[in-house]
PDB file of N, CA and C in Angstrom:
ATOM      1  N   MET A   1      -5.470  20.121  -7.101  1.00  0.00           N
ATOM      2  CA  MET A   1      -5.728  17.679  -7.079  1.00  0.00           C
ATOM      3  C   MET A   1      -4.189  17.273  -7.957  1.00  0.00           C
ATOM      4  N   GLN A   2      -3.251  17.958  -8.224  1.00  0.00           N
ATOM      5  CA  GLN A   2      -2.162  17.843  -9.040  1.00  0.00           C
ATOM      6  C   GLN A   2      -1.824  17.180  -7.461  1.00  0.00           C
ATOM      7  N   ALA A   3      -2.316  17.934  -6.406  1.00  0.00           N
ATOM      8  CA  ALA A   3      -0.893  17.680  -4.627  1.00  0.00           C
ATOM      9  C   ALA A   3      -1.433  16.196  -4.195  1.00  0.00           C
ATOM     10  N   ALA A   4      -2.806  15.708  -4.654  1.00  0.00           N
ATOM     11  CA  ALA A   4      -3.217  14.785  -3.812  1.00  0.00           C
ATOM     12  C   ALA A   4      -1.364  13.523  -4.620  1.00  0.00           C
ATOM     13  N   LYS A   5      -1.248  13.845  -6.071  1.00  0.00           N
ATOM     14  CA  LYS A   5      -0.559  12.385  -6.349  1.00  0.00           C
ATOM     15  C   LYS A   5       0.486  12.124  -5.533  1.00  0.00           C
ATOM     16  N   ALA A   6       0.971  13.748  -4.421  1.00  0.00           N
ATOM     17  CA  ALA A   6       2.085  13.651  -3.609  1.00  0.00           C
ATOM     18  C   ALA A   6       2.108  12.335  -2.698  1.00  0.00           C
ATOM     19  N   TRP A   7       0.617  12.424  -2.257  1.00  0.00           N
ATOM     20  CA  TRP A   7      -0.579  10.989  -1.426  1.00  0.00           C
ATOM     21  C   TRP A   7      -0.041  10.351  -1.661  1.00  0.00           C
ATOM     22  N   LYS A   8      -0.234   9.742  -2.503  1.00  0.00           N
ATOM     23  CA  LYS A   8      -0.307   8.207  -3.438  1.00  0.00           C
ATOM     24  C   LYS A   8       1.352   7.086  -3.124  1.00  0.00           C
ATOM     25  N   LEU A   9       0.545   5.850  -2.290  1.00  0.00           N
ATOM     26  CA  LEU A   9       2.495   5.331  -1.890  1.00  0.00           C
ATOM     27  C   LEU A   9       1.583   4.662  -3.032  1.00  0.00           C
ATOM     28  N   PHE A  10       2.627   3.386  -3.747  1.00  0.00           N
ATOM     29  CA  PHE A  10       2.544   2.236  -3.792  1.00  0.00           C
ATOM     30  C   PHE A  10       3.267   1.025  -2.641  1.00  0.00           C
ATOM     31  N   ILE A  11       2.774   0.331  -2.344  1.00  0.00           N
ATOM     32  CA  ILE A  11       2.686  -0.418  -1.801  1.00  0.00           C
ATOM     33  C   ILE A  11       3.196  -2.119  -2.519  1.00  0.00           C
ATOM     34  N   GLY A  12       4.045  -3.156  -2.115  1.00  0.00           N
ATOM     35  CA  GLY A  12       4.169  -4.157  -3.213  1.00  0.00           C
ATOM     36  C   GLY A  12       4.862  -5.059  -1.256  1.00  0.00           C
ATOM     37  N   GLN A  13       5.455  -6.209  -2.368  1.00  0.00           N
ATOM     38  CA  GLN A  13       5.769  -7.494  -2.151  1.00  0.00           C
ATOM     39  C   GLN A  13       4.582  -7.927  -0.332  1.00  0.00           C
ATOM     40  N   ILE A  14       3.768  -7.877  -1.829  1.00  0.00           N
ATOM     41  CA  ILE A  14       2.059  -8.935  -0.450  1.00  0.00           C
ATOM     42  C   ILE A  14       1.606  -9.734  -0.612  1.00  0.00           C
ATOM     43  N   SER A  15       0.969 -10.675  -0.380  1.00  0.00           N
ATOM     44  CA  SER A  15       1.787 -12.064   0.619  1.00  0.00           C
ATOM     45  C   SER A  15       0.211 -12.335  -0.875  1.00  0.00           C
ATOM     46  N   PHE A  16       0.051 -13.279  -1.503  1.00  0.00           N
ATOM     47  CA  PHE A  16      -1.171 -13.176  -2.884  1.00  0.00           C
ATOM     48  C   PHE A  16      -2.064 -13.969  -2.029  1.00  0.00           C
ATOM     49  N   ASP A  17      -1.812 -14.112  -0.944  1.00  0.00           N
ATOM     50  CA  ASP A  17      -2.981 -14.568   0.149  1.00  0.00           C
ATOM     51  C   ASP A  17      -3.618 -13.278   0.318  1.00  0.00           C
ATOM     52  N   MET A  18      -3.126 -12.620   0.259  1.00  0.00           N
ATOM     53  CA  MET A  18      -3.911 -11.138   1.583  1.00  0.00           C
ATOM     54  C   MET A  18      -4.655 -10.800   0.074  1.00  0.00           C
ATOM     55  N   ALA A  19      -6.435  -9.703   0.693  1.00  0.00           N
ATOM     56  CA  ALA A  19      -7.062  -8.568   0.020  1.00  0.00           C
ATOM     57  C   ALA A  19      -6.788  -7.512   0.499  1.00  0.00           C
ATOM     58  N   GLU A  20      -7.594  -5.887   0.263  1.00  0.00           N
ATOM     59  CA  GLU A  20      -7.657  -4.925   0.643  1.00  0.00           C
ATOM     60  C   GLU A  20      -7.956  -5.312   1.790  1.00  0.00           C
ATOM     61  N   GLY A  21      -9.033  -5.656   2.132  1.00  0.00           N
ATOM     62  CA  GLY A  21      -9.701  -6.072   3.438  1.00  0.00           C
ATOM     63  C   GLY A  21      -7.686  -6.126   5.054  1.00  0.00           C
ATOM     64  N   ASP A  22      -7.107  -6.584   4.159  1.00  0.00           N
ATOM     65  CA  ASP A  22      -6.458  -8.010   5.618  1.00  0.00           C
ATOM     66  C   ASP A  22      -5.573  -6.041   5.303  1.00  0.00           C
ATOM     67  N   LEU A  23      -5.112  -5.847   4.851  1.00  0.00           N
ATOM     68  CA  LEU A  23      -4.486  -4.398   4.452  1.00  0.00           C
ATOM     69  C   LEU A  23      -4.871  -3.211   5.096  1.00  0.00           C
ATOM     70  N   PHE A  24      -5.927  -3.066   4.878  1.00  0.00           N
ATOM     71  CA  PHE A  24      -6.624  -1.562   6.277  1.00  0.00           C
ATOM     72  C   PHE A  24      -6.517  -1.357   7.520  1.00  0.00           C
ATOM     73  N   PRO A  25      -6.854  -2.289   7.735  1.00  0.00           N
ATOM     74  CA  PRO A  25      -6.509  -2.315  10.081  1.00  0.00           C
ATOM     75  C   PRO A  25      -4.769  -1.660   9.738  1.00  0.00           C
ATOM     76  N   PHE A  26      -4.589  -2.331   9.225  1.00  0.00           N
ATOM     77  CA  PHE A  26      -2.286  -2.106   9.208  1.00  0.00           C
ATOM     78  C   PHE A  26      -1.969  -1.023   8.912  1.00  0.00           C
ATOM     79  N   PHE A  27      -2.747  -0.458   8.482  1.00  0.00           N
ATOM     80  CA  PHE A  27      -2.633   0.864   7.178  1.00  0.00           C
ATOM     81  C   PHE A  27      -3.086   2.497   7.595  1.00  0.00           C
ATOM     82  N   SER A  28      -4.488   1.700   7.944  1.00  0.00           N
ATOM     83  CA  SER A  28      -5.296   3.353   8.639  1.00  0.00           C
ATOM     84  C   SER A  28      -4.770   3.704  10.114  1.00  0.00           C
ATOM     85  N   GLN A  29      -3.606   2.738  10.396  1.00  0.00           N
ATOM     86  CA  GLN A  29      -2.827   3.329  11.562  1.00  0.00           C
ATOM     87  C   GLN A  29      -2.050   4.232  11.655  1.00  0.00           C
ATOM     88  N   PHE A  30      -2.094   5.008  10.047  1.00  0.00           N
ATOM     89  CA  PHE A  30      -1.048   6.193   9.714  1.00  0.00           C
ATOM     90  C   PHE A  30      -2.158   6.933   9.208  1.00  0.00           C
ATOM     91  N   GLY A  31      -2.765   6.793   8.949  1.00  0.00           N
ATOM     92  CA  GLY A  31      -4.483   8.107   9.085  1.00  0.00           C
ATOM     93  C   GLY A  31      -5.106   7.509   7.926  1.00  0.00           C
ATOM     94  N   THR A  32      -5.804   8.390   7.472  1.00  0.00           N
ATOM     95  CA  THR A  32      -7.171   7.989   6.090  1.00  0.00           C
ATOM     96  C   THR A  32      -7.067   7.705   5.076  1.00  0.00           C
ATOM     97  N   ILE A  33      -7.370   6.704   4.932  1.00  0.00           N
ATOM     98  CA  ILE A  33      -7.405   6.241   3.744  1.00  0.00           C
ATOM     99  C   ILE A  33      -8.083   6.927   2.719  1.00  0.00           C
ATOM    100  N   LEU A  34      -7.658   7.544   1.749  1.00  0.00           N
ATOM    101  CA  LEU A  34      -8.878   7.600   1.037  1.00  0.00           C
ATOM    102  C   LEU A  34      -9.161   6.809  -0.728  1.00  0.00           C
ATOM    103  N   GLU A  35      -7.829   5.547  -0.673  1.00  0.00           N
ATOM    104  CA  GLU A  35      -7.968   4.233  -1.528  1.00  0.00           C
ATOM    105  C   GLU A  35      -7.573   3.834  -0.871  1.00  0.00           C
ATOM    106  N   LEU A  36      -7.766   2.337  -1.380  1.00  0.00           N
ATOM    107  CA  LEU A  36      -6.386   1.490  -1.650  1.00  0.00           C
ATOM    108  C   LEU A  36      -6.928   0.722  -1.712  1.00  0.00           C
ATOM    109  N   VAL A  37      -6.517  -0.090  -3.421  1.00  0.00           N
ATOM    110  CA  VAL A  37      -6.157  -1.347  -4.410  1.00  0.00           C
ATOM    111  C   VAL A  37      -5.673  -1.985  -4.665  1.00  0.00           C
ATOM    112  N   LEU A  38      -5.529  -2.434  -4.596  1.00  0.00           N
ATOM    113  CA  LEU A  38      -4.203  -4.124  -5.504  1.00  0.00           C
ATOM    114  C   LEU A  38      -4.881  -4.474  -6.866  1.00  0.00           C
ATOM    115  N   LEU A  39      -4.127  -4.504  -7.686  1.00  0.00           N
ATOM    116  CA  LEU A  39      -3.591  -4.621  -8.853  1.00  0.00           C
ATOM    117  C   LEU A  39      -2.937  -6.497  -8.537  1.00  0.00           C
ATOM    118  N   ARG A  40      -4.729  -6.169 -10.002  1.00  0.00           N
ATOM    119  CA  ARG A  40      -5.401  -6.713 -10.631  1.00  0.00           C
ATOM    120  C   ARG A  40      -5.260  -7.692 -11.588  1.00  0.00           C
ATOM    121  N   ASN A  41      -4.778  -9.368 -12.083  1.00  0.00           N
ATOM    122  CA  ASN A  41      -5.045  -9.671 -13.070  1.00  0.00           C
ATOM    123  C   ASN A  41      -6.562  -9.946 -13.736  1.00  0.00           C
ATOM    124  N   GLN A  42      -6.038  -9.693 -15.152  1.00  0.00           N
ATOM    125  CA  GLN A  42      -7.133  -9.742 -15.115  1.00  0.00           C
ATOM    126  C   GLN A  42      -7.659 -11.487 -15.528  1.00  0.00           C
ATOM    127  N   GLY A  43      -7.303 -12.205 -15.903  1.00  0.00           N
ATOM    128  CA  GLY A  43      -7.430 -13.685 -16.803  1.00  0.00           C
ATOM    129  C   GLY A  43      -7.426 -14.211 -15.422  1.00  0.00           C
ATOM    130  N   ASP A  44      -7.457 -14.239 -14.133  1.00  0.00           N
ATOM    131  CA  ASP A  44      -7.568 -15.138 -12.931  1.00  0.00           C
ATOM    132  C   ASP A  44      -8.220 -14.150 -11.920  1.00  0.00           C
ATOM    133  N   GLY A  45      -8.301 -12.039 -12.073  1.00  0.00           N
ATOM    134  CA  GLY A  45      -8.829 -12.051 -10.696  1.00  0.00           C
ATOM    135  C   GLY A  45      -7.961 -11.786  -9.920  1.00  0.00           C
ATOM    136  N   ARG A  46      -6.357 -12.381  -9.422  1.00  0.00           N
ATOM    137  CA  ARG A  46      -5.498 -12.593  -8.567  1.00  0.00           C
ATOM    138  C   ARG A  46      -4.409 -11.204  -8.691  1.00  0.00           C
ATOM    139  N   HIS A  47      -4.269 -10.891  -7.501  1.00  0.00           N
ATOM    140  CA  HIS A  47      -3.753  -9.636  -6.944  1.00  0.00           C
ATOM    141  C   HIS A  47      -2.150  -9.965  -7.215  1.00  0.00           C
ATOM    142  N   LYS A  48      -1.599  -8.528  -8.332  1.00  0.00           N
ATOM    143  CA  LYS A  48      -0.086  -9.052  -8.727  1.00  0.00           C
ATOM    144  C   LYS A  48       0.745  -8.608  -7.013  1.00  0.00           C
ATOM    145  N   GLY A  49       0.526  -8.750  -6.635  1.00  0.00           N
ATOM    146  CA  GLY A  49       1.348  -8.147  -5.586  1.00  0.00           C
ATOM    147  C   GLY A  49       1.910  -7.118  -4.546  1.00  0.00           C
ATOM    148  N   CYS A  50       0.822  -6.078  -5.781  1.00  0.00           N
ATOM    149  CA  CYS A  50       1.733  -5.309  -5.462  1.00  0.00           C
ATOM    150  C   CYS A  50      -0.003  -3.876  -5.825  1.00  0.00           C
ATOM    151  N   GLY A  51      -0.172  -2.501  -4.952  1.00  0.00           N
ATOM    152  CA  GLY A  51      -0.943  -1.670  -4.975  1.00  0.00           C
ATOM    153  C   GLY A  51      -1.025  -0.163  -5.357  1.00  0.00           C
ATOM    154  N   PHE A  52      -1.310   0.013  -4.742  1.00  0.00           N
ATOM    155  CA  PHE A  52      -2.022   1.744  -4.690  1.00  0.00           C
ATOM    156  C   PHE A  52      -2.226   2.451  -2.871  1.00  0.00           C
ATOM    157  N   LEU A  53      -1.465   2.403  -2.369  1.00  0.00           N
ATOM    158  CA  LEU A  53      -2.788   3.755  -1.629  1.00  0.00           C
ATOM    159  C   LEU A  53      -2.930   5.446  -0.595  1.00  0.00           C
ATOM    160  N   VAL A  54      -4.098   5.474  -1.057  1.00  0.00           N
ATOM    161  CA  VAL A  54      -4.065   6.713  -1.225  1.00  0.00           C
ATOM    162  C   VAL A  54      -4.013   7.662   0.787  1.00  0.00           C
ATOM    163  N   TYR A  55      -3.751   7.909   0.749  1.00  0.00           N
ATOM    164  CA  TYR A  55      -4.085   9.509   1.782  1.00  0.00           C
ATOM    165  C   TYR A  55      -5.054  10.793   1.751  1.00  0.00           C
ATOM    166  N   SER A  56      -5.026  11.682   2.567  1.00  0.00           N
ATOM    167  CA  SER A  56      -5.315  12.529   3.143  1.00  0.00           C
ATOM    168  C   SER A  56      -5.098  13.321   2.887  1.00  0.00           C
ATOM    169  N   SER A  57      -3.975  13.249   3.695  1.00  0.00           N
ATOM    170  CA  SER A  57      -2.767  14.157   3.631  1.00  0.00           C
ATOM    171  C   SER A  57      -1.564  13.640   3.714  1.00  0.00           C
ATOM    172  N   ALA A  58      -0.541  14.879   2.611  1.00  0.00           N
ATOM    173  CA  ALA A  58       0.757  14.525   2.928  1.00  0.00           C
ATOM    174  C   ALA A  58       1.148  13.785   4.113  1.00  0.00           C
ATOM    175  N   GLU A  59       1.335  13.698   5.360  1.00  0.00           N
ATOM    176  CA  GLU A  59       1.501  14.317   6.640  1.00  0.00           C
ATOM    177  C   GLU A  59       1.073  12.683   6.729  1.00  0.00           C
ATOM    178  N   GLU A  60      -0.147  12.264   6.595  1.00  0.00           N
ATOM    179  CA  GLU A  60      -0.493  10.602   6.629  1.00  0.00           C
ATOM    180  C   GLU A  60       0.135   9.666   6.163  1.00  0.00           C
ATOM    181  N   ALA A  61       0.844  10.475   4.706  1.00  0.00           N
ATOM    182  CA  ALA A  61       1.306   9.262   3.523  1.00  0.00           C
ATOM    183  C   ALA A  61       2.789   9.041   4.450  1.00  0.00           C
ATOM    184  N   GLU A  62       3.024  10.678   4.512  1.00  0.00           N
ATOM    185  CA  GLU A  62       4.938  10.329   4.869  1.00  0.00           C
ATOM    186  C   GLU A  62       4.669   8.777   6.360  1.00  0.00           C
ATOM    187  N   ALA A  63       4.246   9.391   7.120  1.00  0.00           N
ATOM    188  CA  ALA A  63       4.058   8.358   8.294  1.00  0.00           C
ATOM    189  C   ALA A  63       4.065   6.932   7.689  1.00  0.00           C
ATOM    190  N   ALA A  64       3.423   6.693   6.702  1.00  0.00           N
ATOM    191  CA  ALA A  64       2.855   5.409   6.267  1.00  0.00           C
ATOM    192  C   ALA A  64       4.069   5.219   5.842  1.00  0.00           C
ATOM    193  N   LEU A  65       5.282   5.626   5.002  1.00  0.00           N
ATOM    194  CA  LEU A  65       5.806   5.559   4.890  1.00  0.00           C
ATOM    195  C   LEU A  65       7.258   4.576   5.841  1.00  0.00           C
ATOM    196  N   ALA A  66       6.830   5.080   7.503  1.00  0.00           N
ATOM    197  CA  ALA A  66       7.734   4.418   8.272  1.00  0.00           C
ATOM    198  C   ALA A  66       7.224   2.692   7.453  1.00  0.00           C
ATOM    199  N   ALA A  67       6.636   2.233   7.090  1.00  0.00           N
ATOM    200  CA  ALA A  67       5.670   1.463   7.063  1.00  0.00           C
ATOM    201  C   ALA A  67       6.549  -0.121   5.687  1.00  0.00           C
ATOM    202  N   ASN A  68       7.535   0.721   5.629  1.00  0.00           N
ATOM    203  CA  ASN A  68       8.845   0.214   4.651  1.00  0.00           C
ATOM    204  C   ASN A  68       9.429  -0.838   5.092  1.00  0.00           C
ATOM    205  N   GLY A  69       9.023  -2.225   4.659  1.00  0.00           N
ATOM    206  CA  GLY A  69      10.497  -3.095   5.183  1.00  0.00           C
ATOM    207  C   GLY A  69       9.671  -4.038   6.625  1.00  0.00           C
ATOM    208  N   ALA A  70       8.415  -3.845   7.188  1.00  0.00           N
ATOM    209  CA  ALA A  70       8.052  -4.329   7.771  1.00  0.00           C
ATOM    210  C   ALA A  70       6.867  -5.313   7.531  1.00  0.00           C
ATOM    211  N   VAL A  71       6.794  -5.977   8.085  1.00  0.00           N
ATOM    212  CA  VAL A  71       5.842  -7.380   7.674  1.00  0.00           C
ATOM    213  C   VAL A  71       4.913  -7.613   8.435  1.00  0.00           C
ATOM    214  N   MET A  72       3.731  -7.136   7.351  1.00  0.00           N
ATOM    215  CA  MET A  72       2.042  -7.324   8.070  1.00  0.00           C
ATOM    216  C   MET A  72       1.848  -8.666   8.865  1.00  0.00           C
ATOM    217  N   PRO A  73       0.884  -7.420   9.730  1.00  0.00           N
ATOM    218  CA  PRO A  73       0.635  -8.355  11.846  1.00  0.00           C
ATOM    219  C   PRO A  73      -0.012 -10.099  11.150  1.00  0.00           C
ATOM    220  N   ASN A  74      -1.134 -10.374  10.174  1.00  0.00           N
ATOM    221  CA  ASN A  74      -1.404 -10.746   9.725  1.00  0.00           C
ATOM    222  C   ASN A  74      -0.787 -12.124   8.377  1.00  0.00           C
ATOM    223  N   ASP A  75       0.162 -11.655   8.210  1.00  0.00           N
ATOM    224  CA  ASP A  75       0.527 -12.650   6.876  1.00  0.00           C
ATOM    225  C   ASP A  75       1.748 -13.175   7.175  1.00  0.00           C
ATOM    226  N   VAL A  76       0.857 -15.149   7.003  1.00  0.00           N
ATOM    227  CA  VAL A  76       1.233 -16.241   7.659  1.00  0.00           C
ATOM    228  C   VAL A  76       2.658 -16.214   6.995  1.00  0.00           C
ATOM    229  N   ARG A  77       2.841 -15.664   5.892  1.00  0.00           N
ATOM    230  CA  ARG A  77       4.440 -15.803   4.349  1.00  0.00           C
ATOM    231  C   ARG A  77       5.338 -15.207   5.022  1.00  0.00           C
ATOM    232  N   GLN A  78       4.741 -13.658   6.450  1.00  0.00           N
ATOM    233  CA  GLN A  78       6.213 -13.244   6.751  1.00  0.00           C
ATOM    234  C   GLN A  78       7.240 -11.823   5.746  1.00  0.00           C
ATOM    235  N   ARG A  79       6.604 -11.702   4.496  1.00  0.00           N
ATOM    236  CA  ARG A  79       6.795 -10.764   3.249  1.00  0.00           C
ATOM    237  C   ARG A  79       7.367  -9.579   4.381  1.00  0.00           C
ATOM    238  N   GLN A  80       8.863  -8.442   3.722  1.00  0.00           N
ATOM    239  CA  GLN A  80       9.365  -7.986   4.453  1.00  0.00           C
ATOM    240  C   GLN A  80       8.407  -6.410   2.853  1.00  0.00           C
ATOM    241  N   ILE A  81       7.574  -5.932   3.694  1.00  0.00           N
ATOM    242  CA  ILE A  81       6.231  -4.964   2.033  1.00  0.00           C
ATOM    243  C   ILE A  81       7.334  -4.399   1.526  1.00  0.00           C
ATOM    244  N   MET A  82       7.215  -2.785   1.098  1.00  0.00           N
ATOM    245  CA  MET A  82       8.059  -1.729   0.151  1.00  0.00           C
ATOM    246  C   MET A  82       6.631  -1.474   0.181  1.00  0.00           C
ATOM    247  N   VAL A  83       6.762  -0.052   0.340  1.00  0.00           N
ATOM    248  CA  VAL A  83       6.470   1.306   0.507  1.00  0.00           C
ATOM    249  C   VAL A  83       6.982   2.450   0.421  1.00  0.00           C
ATOM    250  N   LYS A  84       7.133   2.886  -0.860  1.00  0.00           N
ATOM    251  CA  LYS A  84       7.156   3.951  -1.430  1.00  0.00           C
ATOM    252  C   LYS A  84       6.006   5.519  -2.122  1.00  0.00           C
ATOM    253  N   TYR A  85       6.906   5.944  -2.689  1.00  0.00           N
ATOM    254  CA  TYR A  85       5.522   7.098  -2.465  1.00  0.00           C
ATOM    255  C   TYR A  85       6.063   6.596  -4.669  1.00  0.00           C
ATOM    256  N   ALA A  86       4.767   7.107  -4.480  1.00  0.00           N
ATOM    257  CA  ALA A  86       3.468   5.914  -6.219  1.00  0.00           C
ATOM    258  C   ALA A  86       4.889   7.143  -7.359  1.00  0.00           C
ATOM    259  N   ASN A  87       4.318   8.183  -7.063  1.00  0.00           N
ATOM    260  CA  ASN A  87       5.582   9.324  -8.322  1.00  0.00           C
ATOM    261  C   ASN A  87       7.099   9.320  -8.366  1.00  0.00           C
ATOM    262  N   ALA A  88       7.298   8.415  -7.233  1.00  0.00           N
ATOM    263  CA  ALA A  88       8.775   8.682  -7.705  1.00  0.00           C
ATOM    264  C   ALA A  88       9.906   7.666  -8.236  1.00  0.00           C
ATOM    265  N   LYS A  89      10.350   8.750  -9.015  1.00  0.00           N
ATOM    266  CA  LYS A  89      11.114   8.613 -10.309  1.00  0.00           C
ATOM    267  C   LYS A  89      13.088   7.709 -10.051  1.00  0.00           C
ATOM    268  N   GLY A  90      13.050   6.373 -10.675  1.00  0.00           N
ATOM    269  CA  GLY A  90      13.979   5.686  -9.775  1.00  0.00           C
ATOM    270  C   GLY A  90      14.056   4.724  -9.537  1.00  0.00           C
ATOM    271  N   ASN A  91      13.350   4.960  -8.112  1.00  0.00           N
ATOM    272  CA  ASN A  91      12.819   4.393  -7.235  1.00  0.00           C
ATOM    273  C   ASN A  91      12.555   2.957  -8.020  1.00  0.00           C
TER     274      ASN A  91
END
């Protein structure tokens, strides 16, 4: 299970009006998603604009890195998302 950490990606700069269901179709084009979760505030449950994504293989995660700087097709705010390895130090 140690190797699975290499397949976990951090996703940031997500518009606050988007939810996991809005992100899933876009990121599933790169491979099989095992987990997609947005970090949420405890008080109001609103997401913090970032989250984590886990793919079933390193190749799929690597392919998803190409989405860094992309604009989600259904994002009315047209924000460029950030995609990077979750365990990357100093990035």
